[in-house]
Protein backbone atom coordinates (compact mmCIF):
# COMPACT_ATOMS: atom_id res chain seq x y z
CA MET A 1 49.68 -165.26 125.65
CA CYS A 2 47.19 -168.10 125.17
CA TYR A 3 45.03 -168.87 122.16
CA ARG A 4 42.17 -171.35 122.40
CA TYR A 5 40.13 -172.71 119.52
CA PHE A 6 36.98 -174.71 118.85
CA ILE A 7 35.36 -176.45 115.86
CA SER A 8 32.26 -174.64 114.65
CA ASN A 9 29.08 -176.04 113.12
CA SER A 10 30.56 -175.27 109.69
CA ASP A 11 33.57 -177.50 110.49
CA GLN A 12 35.91 -174.53 110.80
CA ILE A 13 38.48 -173.89 113.51
CA LYS A 14 37.64 -170.64 115.30
CA ASN A 15 39.06 -168.60 118.18
CA ILE A 16 37.06 -169.00 121.40
CA GLU A 17 37.53 -165.38 122.48
CA HIS A 18 36.79 -164.09 118.96
CA PRO A 19 34.50 -166.67 117.29
CA THR A 20 34.71 -165.01 113.87
CA ASP A 21 38.52 -165.31 113.73
CA ASP A 22 40.30 -168.26 112.09
CA PHE A 23 43.51 -169.82 113.36
CA GLN A 24 46.34 -167.29 113.16
CA PHE A 25 49.91 -168.35 112.48
CA PHE A 26 51.61 -164.95 112.74
CA ILE A 27 50.78 -164.11 116.34
CA THR A 28 54.25 -162.66 117.09
CA ASN A 29 57.27 -161.48 115.12
CA ASN A 30 59.23 -164.48 116.47
CA GLU A 31 59.38 -167.29 113.91
CA ARG A 32 60.20 -169.96 116.50
CA TYR A 33 57.23 -168.97 118.65
CA ASN A 34 54.89 -169.07 115.67
CA ASN A 35 56.16 -172.50 114.58
CA VAL A 36 55.72 -173.97 118.07
CA GLN A 37 52.22 -172.52 118.32
CA ARG A 38 51.30 -174.04 114.97
CA GLU A 39 52.61 -177.47 115.96
CA ALA A 40 50.67 -177.22 119.24
CA MET A 41 47.52 -176.70 117.20
CA HIS A 42 48.37 -179.67 115.00
CA SER A 43 49.42 -182.10 117.72
CA THR A 44 48.08 -181.21 121.18
CA SER A 45 44.62 -180.85 122.61
CA ILE A 46 42.36 -177.99 121.63
CA THR A 47 40.56 -176.64 124.67
CA LYS A 48 36.93 -177.61 124.79
CA PRO A 49 34.82 -174.53 125.53
CA SER A 50 31.29 -174.60 126.88
CA THR A 51 29.60 -173.33 123.73
CA PRO A 52 26.65 -174.54 121.64
CA LEU A 53 28.80 -174.14 118.50
CA LEU A 54 30.53 -177.46 119.20
CA THR A 55 29.40 -180.32 117.02
CA ILE A 56 31.46 -183.09 118.66
CA SER A 57 31.74 -184.08 122.29
CA SER A 58 35.51 -184.05 122.50
CA ILE A 59 38.02 -182.03 120.47
CA ALA A 60 41.52 -183.42 120.13
CA CYS A 61 44.30 -182.05 117.96
CA ILE A 62 43.79 -181.64 114.22
CA ARG A 63 45.71 -184.78 113.28
CA ASN A 64 43.88 -186.93 115.81
CA GLU A 65 40.58 -185.42 114.74
CA VAL A 66 41.21 -186.41 111.13
CA VAL A 67 42.21 -189.96 112.12
CA THR A 68 39.09 -190.23 114.32
CA ARG A 69 36.82 -189.14 111.49
CA LEU A 70 38.43 -191.59 109.07
CA ALA A 71 38.01 -194.37 111.64
CA SER A 72 34.26 -193.72 111.53
CA LEU A 73 34.54 -194.53 107.80
CA ASN A 74 36.33 -197.82 108.58
CA VAL A 75 39.78 -196.47 107.69
CA HIS A 76 42.23 -197.19 110.53
CA PRO A 77 45.97 -196.90 111.29
CA LEU A 78 48.32 -199.68 110.22
CA TYR A 79 51.79 -199.40 111.74
CA LEU A 80 54.95 -200.03 109.77
CA PRO A 81 57.28 -201.87 109.58
CA ASN A 82 55.45 -204.53 111.64
CA LEU A 83 52.20 -204.19 109.66
CA SER A 84 50.30 -204.21 112.94
CA SER A 85 46.97 -202.62 113.76
CA GLN A 86 48.19 -202.11 117.33
CA LYS A 87 50.58 -199.24 118.01
CA PRO A 88 54.04 -200.69 118.83
CA SER A 89 55.80 -199.71 122.02
CA GLY A 90 59.50 -199.02 122.34
CA THR A 91 60.37 -199.30 118.64
CA ALA A 92 60.35 -196.81 115.79
CA HIS A 93 57.15 -197.06 113.78
CA LEU A 94 55.19 -195.20 111.13
CA PRO A 95 51.39 -195.15 110.71
CA ILE A 96 49.56 -195.37 107.41
CA LEU A 97 45.78 -195.63 107.06
CA THR A 98 43.90 -198.53 105.49
CA THR A 99 40.45 -200.00 105.38
CA ASN A 100 40.16 -202.71 108.03
CA PRO A 101 42.47 -205.47 106.68
CA THR A 102 39.79 -208.15 106.82
CA THR A 103 37.45 -205.97 104.79
CA LEU A 104 40.22 -204.71 102.51
CA ARG A 105 41.00 -208.22 101.25
CA SER A 106 37.45 -208.57 99.96
CA LYS A 107 37.44 -205.34 97.94
CA SER A 108 37.41 -205.46 94.16
CA ARG A 109 38.46 -201.78 93.99
CA VAL A 110 41.13 -200.16 96.13
CA ILE A 111 42.11 -196.48 96.06
CA VAL A 112 45.74 -195.83 97.03
CA ILE A 113 46.65 -192.25 97.97
CA VAL A 114 50.26 -191.04 98.20
CA ASN A 115 50.52 -187.60 99.80
CA ARG A 116 53.21 -184.95 99.44
CA SER A 117 56.40 -185.55 101.45
CA ALA A 118 55.92 -182.26 103.33
CA GLU A 119 52.52 -183.12 104.80
CA ASP A 120 51.21 -185.03 107.80
CA LEU A 121 49.26 -188.26 107.43
CA ALA A 122 45.97 -187.72 105.52
CA ILE A 123 46.37 -183.93 105.57
CA TRP A 124 46.16 -182.25 102.16
CA ALA A 125 46.56 -178.60 103.12
CA TYR A 126 46.58 -176.99 106.57
CA ARG A 127 45.97 -173.61 104.90
CA ILE A 128 42.55 -174.93 103.85
CA LEU A 129 41.90 -177.15 106.85
CA SER A 130 42.53 -174.42 109.45
CA LYS A 131 40.80 -171.66 107.50
CA SER A 132 37.47 -171.32 105.73
CA GLY A 133 37.62 -174.72 104.02
CA GLY A 134 37.21 -176.76 107.17
CA ILE A 135 38.74 -179.96 108.51
CA ASN A 136 37.07 -182.33 106.06
CA SER A 137 37.96 -180.28 102.98
CA GLY A 138 41.64 -179.95 103.88
CA SER A 139 42.12 -183.64 104.61
CA ALA A 140 41.40 -187.12 103.29
CA VAL A 141 38.04 -187.17 105.08
CA SER A 142 36.27 -185.37 102.22
CA PHE A 143 37.73 -187.71 99.58
CA VAL A 144 36.86 -190.90 101.46
CA LYS A 145 33.37 -189.65 102.33
CA GLU A 146 32.68 -188.73 98.71
CA ALA A 147 33.91 -192.10 97.41
CA VAL A 148 31.85 -194.00 99.99
CA THR A 149 28.74 -191.92 99.31
CA ARG A 150 28.97 -192.47 95.55
CA SER A 151 29.37 -196.20 96.03
CA GLU A 152 26.36 -196.37 98.35
CA VAL A 153 24.22 -194.39 95.91
CA TYR A 154 25.13 -196.31 92.74
CA GLY A 155 26.12 -199.65 94.22
CA ALA A 156 24.21 -202.50 95.75
CA GLY A 157 25.81 -202.62 99.16
CA GLU A 158 28.94 -202.64 101.28
CA GLU A 159 30.84 -204.72 98.73
CA ASP A 160 30.67 -201.83 96.25
CA VAL A 161 32.46 -199.40 98.59
CA PRO A 162 36.16 -199.23 97.60
CA GLY A 163 38.97 -199.99 100.00
CA PHE A 164 41.47 -197.28 100.90
CA ILE A 165 45.22 -197.22 101.54
CA ILE A 166 46.65 -193.82 102.50
CA LEU A 167 50.44 -193.63 102.57
CA ASN A 168 52.51 -191.40 104.82
CA PRO A 169 55.69 -190.20 103.04
CA GLY A 170 55.91 -187.07 105.20
CA GLN A 171 56.29 -188.37 108.76
CA LEU A 172 59.59 -190.19 108.31
CA LEU A 173 61.39 -188.89 111.42
CA TYR A 174 60.80 -190.76 114.67
CA SER A 175 61.06 -189.31 118.18
CA HIS A 176 61.57 -191.98 120.84
CA LYS A 177 60.92 -189.40 123.55
CA HIS A 178 57.51 -188.51 122.14
CA GLU A 179 56.91 -192.00 120.68
CA ARG A 180 55.63 -190.86 117.33
CA ALA A 181 56.65 -190.27 113.74
CA MET A 182 56.71 -186.69 112.52
CA THR A 183 57.53 -184.40 109.64
CA THR A 184 60.59 -182.16 109.50
CA VAL A 185 58.33 -179.20 110.35
CA ALA A 186 57.10 -180.95 113.51
CA TRP A 187 60.67 -181.95 114.38
CA ASP A 188 61.76 -178.33 114.11
CA ALA A 189 59.03 -177.36 116.59
CA LEU A 190 60.11 -179.87 119.29
CA PRO A 191 60.92 -178.42 122.74
CA ARG A 192 64.45 -177.11 123.21
CA LYS A 193 66.56 -176.38 126.27
CA SER A 194 66.42 -172.67 125.58
CA ALA A 195 65.49 -170.17 122.89
CA THR A 196 69.09 -170.14 121.67
CA HIS A 197 69.53 -173.91 121.34
CA PRO A 198 69.32 -175.47 117.86
CA MET A 199 66.67 -178.06 117.03
CA PRO A 200 67.39 -181.66 118.10
CA ARG A 201 69.80 -183.42 115.77
CA VAL A 202 68.51 -186.24 113.60
CA HIS A 203 70.38 -189.51 114.09
CA PRO A 204 70.58 -191.32 110.72
CA VAL A 205 69.56 -194.66 112.32
CA HIS A 206 68.06 -193.94 115.74
CA ASN A 207 65.50 -191.43 114.40
CA ARG A 208 64.55 -193.30 111.24
CA ILE A 209 61.93 -195.99 110.64
CA PRO A 210 63.32 -199.30 109.27
CA GLY A 211 62.47 -199.74 105.61
CA ASN A 212 61.01 -196.24 105.43
CA LYS A 213 63.97 -193.89 105.65
CA THR A 214 63.00 -191.88 102.56
CA ALA A 215 59.78 -191.21 100.66
CA GLU A 216 61.03 -193.53 97.92
CA ASP A 217 61.66 -196.30 100.46
CA HIS A 218 58.23 -195.75 102.01
CA VAL A 219 56.36 -196.00 98.70
CA ALA A 220 58.27 -199.17 97.79
CA PHE A 221 57.62 -200.67 101.25
CA VAL A 222 53.86 -200.11 101.14
CA PHE A 223 53.46 -201.25 97.54
CA ASP A 224 55.54 -204.37 98.19
CA LYS A 225 54.19 -205.29 101.63
CA VAL A 226 50.60 -204.03 101.49
CA VAL A 227 49.31 -203.20 97.99
CA GLY A 228 51.08 -206.15 96.37
CA SER A 229 50.45 -208.59 99.24
CA PRO A 230 47.50 -211.02 99.04
CA GLU A 231 47.31 -210.77 102.84
CA PHE A 232 45.93 -207.25 102.40
CA VAL A 233 44.76 -206.81 98.79
CA ASN A 234 43.03 -209.31 96.52
CA PRO A 235 45.32 -210.07 93.53
CA ASP A 236 42.28 -209.65 91.28
CA ALA A 237 41.50 -206.18 92.62
CA GLN A 238 41.58 -203.00 90.54
CA ILE A 239 43.91 -200.35 91.97
CA TYR A 240 43.25 -196.63 91.47
CA ILE A 241 46.15 -194.43 92.55
CA VAL A 242 46.17 -190.74 93.50
CA GLY A 243 49.60 -189.13 93.75
CA LEU A 244 49.92 -185.65 95.24
CA GLY A 245 52.92 -183.54 94.25
CA ASP A 246 56.22 -185.34 94.76
CA GLY A 247 54.28 -188.29 96.17
CA GLY A 248 53.06 -188.90 92.63
CA ASP A 249 56.64 -188.65 91.39
CA GLU A 250 57.65 -191.46 93.75
CA VAL A 251 54.73 -193.60 92.54
CA ILE A 252 55.80 -193.14 88.93
CA LYS A 253 59.37 -194.12 89.75
CA TYR A 254 58.21 -197.22 91.61
CA LEU A 255 55.78 -198.39 88.93
CA GLU A 256 58.32 -197.87 86.14
CA LYS A 257 60.91 -199.89 87.98
CA ASN A 258 58.87 -202.66 89.60
CA CYS A 259 55.78 -203.35 87.52
CA THR A 260 55.23 -205.34 84.36
CA PHE A 261 53.16 -203.54 81.73
CA SER A 262 51.67 -205.99 79.27
CA SER A 263 48.66 -204.04 78.00
CA LEU A 264 46.90 -200.72 78.43
CA ASP A 265 44.94 -201.91 81.43
CA TYR A 266 46.95 -204.78 82.88
CA ILE A 267 49.87 -204.27 85.21
CA ALA A 268 51.30 -207.08 87.32
CA THR A 269 53.35 -205.85 90.24
CA THR A 270 56.59 -207.77 90.11
CA GLN A 271 57.18 -209.46 93.44
CA THR A 272 60.37 -211.54 93.53
CA ASN A 273 60.83 -214.46 95.89
CA ASN A 274 64.40 -214.16 97.15
CA THR A 275 64.61 -217.92 97.69
CA THR A 276 63.19 -219.23 94.42
CA GLY A 277 63.60 -216.14 92.24
CA SER A 278 60.00 -216.54 91.02
CA HIS A 279 57.45 -213.77 90.58
CA ARG A 280 53.85 -213.58 91.64
CA ARG A 281 51.08 -211.59 90.07
CA GLY A 282 49.82 -208.49 91.82
CA PRO A 283 46.62 -206.48 91.46
CA THR A 284 45.81 -204.48 88.33
CA ILE A 285 46.62 -200.78 88.28
CA ALA A 286 43.55 -199.30 86.59
CA ALA A 287 44.36 -195.57 86.64
CA LEU A 288 46.80 -193.00 88.00
CA ALA A 289 45.62 -189.49 88.96
CA LEU A 290 48.25 -186.87 89.78
CA THR A 291 47.96 -183.42 91.34
CA ALA A 292 50.69 -180.86 90.60
CA PRO A 293 53.33 -183.47 89.63
CA THR A 294 56.81 -182.80 88.32
CA PRO A 295 56.41 -182.35 84.55
CA LEU A 296 57.23 -185.48 82.57
CA ARG A 297 59.37 -183.93 79.87
CA PRO A 298 62.55 -185.13 78.17
CA SER A 299 64.59 -182.55 80.10
CA ILE A 300 62.70 -182.74 83.42
CA SER A 301 61.61 -186.17 84.56
CA PRO A 302 61.70 -188.21 87.80
CA ILE A 303 62.13 -191.41 85.76
CA PRO A 304 64.24 -192.51 82.80
CA LEU A 305 61.91 -192.15 79.83
CA THR A 306 62.89 -195.39 78.11
CA ASN A 307 60.17 -197.88 79.11
CA ARG A 308 57.79 -197.65 76.15
CA PRO A 309 55.03 -199.90 77.56
CA PHE A 310 55.02 -197.83 80.77
CA LEU A 311 54.93 -194.56 78.81
CA THR A 312 52.00 -195.98 76.87
CA PHE A 313 50.19 -196.70 80.11
CA LEU A 314 50.77 -193.14 81.34
CA SER A 315 49.50 -191.75 78.06
CA ASN A 316 46.30 -193.78 78.23
CA ARG A 317 45.58 -194.28 81.92
CA ALA A 318 47.07 -191.27 83.73
CA ARG A 319 45.84 -187.70 84.16
CA ALA A 320 47.17 -184.67 86.00
CA TRP A 321 45.46 -181.68 87.59
CA LEU A 322 47.77 -178.66 87.73
CA VAL A 323 48.00 -175.30 89.44
CA SER A 324 46.25 -172.94 87.03
CA HIS A 325 44.14 -169.81 86.99
CA PHE A 326 41.77 -171.40 84.48
CA PRO A 327 38.49 -172.87 85.82
CA LEU A 328 38.59 -176.34 87.34
CA GLY A 329 38.75 -179.06 84.70
CA THR A 330 39.82 -176.82 81.82
CA PRO A 331 42.01 -178.92 79.48
CA LEU A 332 45.58 -177.59 79.46
CA ALA A 333 47.38 -180.18 77.33
CA ASN A 334 46.99 -183.55 75.68
CA ALA A 335 49.49 -186.35 76.01
CA ALA A 336 52.56 -185.74 73.89
CA ALA A 337 53.64 -188.41 71.44
CA ILE A 338 55.64 -191.17 73.10
CA SER A 339 58.30 -191.03 70.39
CA THR A 340 58.98 -187.47 71.58
CA PHE A 341 60.33 -189.03 74.78
CA CYS A 342 61.47 -192.43 73.63
CA PRO A 343 62.25 -193.08 69.94
CA PRO A 344 60.91 -196.41 68.62
CA PRO A 345 63.44 -199.28 68.43
CA ASP A 346 63.29 -199.19 64.65
CA ALA A 347 63.62 -195.52 63.72
CA ALA A 348 63.19 -196.36 60.05
CA ALA A 349 59.70 -197.68 60.71
CA PRO A 350 57.86 -195.07 62.83
CA GLN A 351 54.81 -196.32 64.69
CA SER A 352 51.41 -194.65 64.67
CA ARG A 353 48.68 -194.69 67.30
CA ASP A 354 46.81 -197.25 65.19
CA THR A 355 49.80 -199.48 64.51
CA PRO A 356 50.88 -202.15 67.04
CA TYR A 357 54.40 -201.81 68.38
CA VAL A 358 56.74 -204.20 66.59
CA SER A 359 59.43 -205.58 68.85
CA ALA A 360 62.92 -205.04 67.43
CA ASP A 361 64.01 -208.39 68.84
CA THR A 362 61.10 -210.68 67.99
CA ASN A 363 59.49 -208.81 65.07
CA ALA A 364 56.15 -209.67 66.66
CA THR A 365 53.29 -207.27 67.21
CA THR A 366 53.02 -208.23 70.87
CA ASP A 367 54.46 -207.37 74.20
CA THR A 368 54.75 -210.40 76.43
CA ALA A 369 55.06 -210.40 80.20
CA SER A 370 55.19 -213.29 82.60
CA ALA A 371 54.21 -213.18 86.26
CA ASN A 372 53.82 -216.16 88.53
CA GLY A 373 53.76 -218.48 85.53
CA ILE A 374 51.03 -216.51 83.77
CA THR A 375 51.98 -215.14 80.37
CA THR A 376 49.98 -212.30 78.91
CA THR A 377 50.35 -211.36 75.24
CA THR A 378 48.66 -208.19 73.99
CA SER A 379 49.18 -205.41 71.46
CA ILE A 380 50.65 -202.08 72.50
CA THR A 381 50.20 -199.01 70.34
CA ILE A 382 52.64 -196.12 70.22
CA PRO A 383 51.54 -192.58 69.29
CA GLU A 384 53.54 -190.90 66.54
CA THR A 385 55.12 -187.47 66.80
CA THR A 386 53.66 -184.86 64.45
CA ASP A 387 55.10 -181.44 63.68
CA ASP A 388 51.75 -179.72 64.07
CA ASP A 389 51.01 -181.14 67.51
CA PRO A 390 50.55 -178.01 69.72
CA GLU A 391 50.91 -180.05 72.91
CA ALA A 392 54.18 -181.78 71.97
CA ASN A 393 56.85 -181.81 74.69
CA ILE A 394 54.32 -180.71 77.33
CA SER A 395 53.48 -183.92 79.18
CA LEU A 396 53.11 -187.63 78.70
CA PHE A 397 49.55 -187.57 80.08
CA PRO A 398 46.60 -185.21 79.67
CA CYS A 399 46.65 -182.19 81.99
CA LEU A 400 43.72 -180.21 83.35
CA SER A 401 43.33 -177.20 85.59
CA GLY A 402 43.21 -178.03 89.29
CA GLY A 403 41.02 -175.05 90.05
CA THR A 404 43.58 -173.11 92.07
CA SER A 405 46.24 -170.68 90.94
CA GLU A 406 48.25 -170.38 94.15
CA TYR A 407 49.46 -173.48 95.98
CA ALA A 408 50.13 -177.05 94.83
CA GLU A 409 48.71 -178.53 98.04
CA CYS A 410 45.34 -176.89 97.32
CA VAL A 411 44.79 -178.80 94.07
CA MET A 412 43.55 -181.99 95.75
CA PRO A 413 40.87 -180.25 97.89
CA CYS A 414 39.63 -178.50 94.74
CA ALA A 415 39.80 -181.38 92.25
CA TYR A 416 39.03 -184.56 94.22
CA ARG A 417 35.48 -184.83 92.85
CA GLU A 418 36.79 -184.59 89.29
CA ILE A 419 39.34 -187.29 90.08
CA LEU A 420 36.58 -189.59 91.30
CA ASP A 421 34.53 -188.77 88.19
CA TRP A 422 37.46 -189.87 86.06
CA PHE A 423 37.98 -193.06 88.07
CA GLU A 424 34.33 -193.90 87.43
CA ALA A 425 34.82 -193.29 83.71
CA VAL A 426 37.81 -195.64 83.67
CA ALA A 427 35.81 -198.29 85.51
CA ARG A 428 32.96 -198.00 82.97
CA GLY A 429 35.33 -198.43 80.04
CA SER A 430 36.04 -196.53 76.85
CA GLY A 431 33.17 -194.34 75.70
CA GLY A 432 31.21 -195.21 78.82
CA ILE A 433 30.68 -198.77 77.55
CA GLU A 434 31.34 -201.36 80.25
CA GLY A 435 33.81 -204.02 79.25
CA GLU A 436 35.61 -201.93 76.63
CA GLU A 437 39.21 -200.99 77.30
CA TYR A 438 39.56 -197.40 78.47
CA ALA A 439 42.05 -194.97 76.93
CA ASN A 440 42.30 -191.21 77.44
CA GLU A 441 40.37 -189.30 74.83
CA VAL A 442 41.85 -186.29 73.05
CA LEU A 443 40.91 -183.16 74.99
CA GLU A 444 39.83 -179.93 73.33
CA VAL A 445 42.35 -177.42 74.63
CA PRO A 446 40.90 -173.87 74.43
CA GLU A 447 42.67 -171.39 72.16
CA GLU A 448 43.36 -169.02 75.05
CA VAL A 449 45.20 -171.79 76.88
CA LEU A 450 47.38 -172.60 73.87
CA LYS A 451 48.10 -168.92 73.28
CA GLU A 452 49.08 -168.33 76.91
CA MET A 453 51.34 -171.39 76.98
CA GLU A 454 53.03 -170.30 73.75
CA GLU A 455 53.67 -166.84 75.22
CA GLU A 456 55.14 -168.39 78.36
CA ILE A 457 57.46 -170.59 76.31
CA LEU A 458 58.63 -167.66 74.19
CA ALA A 459 59.26 -165.60 77.33
CA VAL A 460 61.73 -168.19 78.67
CA PRO A 461 65.27 -167.52 77.40
CA ALA A 462 67.15 -170.25 75.62
CA TRP A 463 69.43 -172.30 77.84
CA GLY A 464 72.56 -170.75 76.33
CA GLU A 465 71.20 -167.26 76.98
CA VAL A 466 70.80 -167.75 80.73
CA PRO A 467 73.54 -165.78 82.59
CA GLU A 468 75.95 -167.94 84.57
CA ASP A 469 75.44 -165.79 87.66
């Protein structure tokens, strides 16, 4: 049984023998056979048929095709842990994608994308990529193309095009035999001695990439060695981050632990010199967009909700697009009051959104942070909890519909244009006035959304009522 595919004029993967058919995963009732066939589609060559439907001269596997298309947009592989543009030989390595390093250093805006830990590099959703959506829509190609096109339309030249850094928290297993990093799904599809043999065992050292053993390690490595390094990113650059699923969770954990938040729009990445113990200033994190993240609630959170300046940043400079049956962009919730998550230091003197945070130690209406000898002193405001807040305890940042009601990985292909719209709004400033500090506005959540959320909450039994079994 042999299935051959081609890429049509509409950028869709189609069956050569039956040109109207998409890629089919369930071709047998054998799960192992189906998994191997899927991995072959993702990682080996697609046969090139002699047909006028082809729009490119040579068709490689899906992953290589995506990397090739991004290369045409000046986004190329950078191999970790050596930070080399040339693929290493004989050592475990992991590719990420970045704008050409020489060009990246000159960018005043850099977009950092952290994918889900279950996906391949720069792939959002194979279910979209290999079906009607097409290769561009299901991968980072559409996002990068859209960002570049907008910059060329509204900007004055190449300097206005943002730089890109695309992380790879999914391909953290390394096969020395095949000389490439791969996901657990790809590892499971590796050749075996027979149909009854188990998948190859993962050696905890031999099959791991130094400094990138887990998604958390990988995010920290790239932010420390690439995003926060003046060799790659200008310290004066503005950083816009997109976190997909649990990739966004890892970003939140890293930022909370490693960055200094001294105002609503200034974040200095804290880089410590092990020899001198000094810190150096990193680029500014301008905004954080999340797709289908883990809810930031007091009872469910990937971070300890105790860093009030960081929570303030999330409330004002972060947004999330969620799986929802409501139309794309429909407001689902506003940011809950910070004191819902983290009570103010002086409980007797509650803070309002219009009142600067008063430090319990210094009794000063400032929050001071020092990085590389630079001290920044600014006011930080803390929202106050109100009993009539219908969005309380929902999230620490505004949430909108991602335009899909089925799968978390489909949110990014649906919402990426809205994310770029929001990034542009942040860059313009509050109220669209350039130079003014941006902060999330209060969204008008439709009544039907509030009613549905209330019904869902009431339908969930109290914790003590949940049966032990």
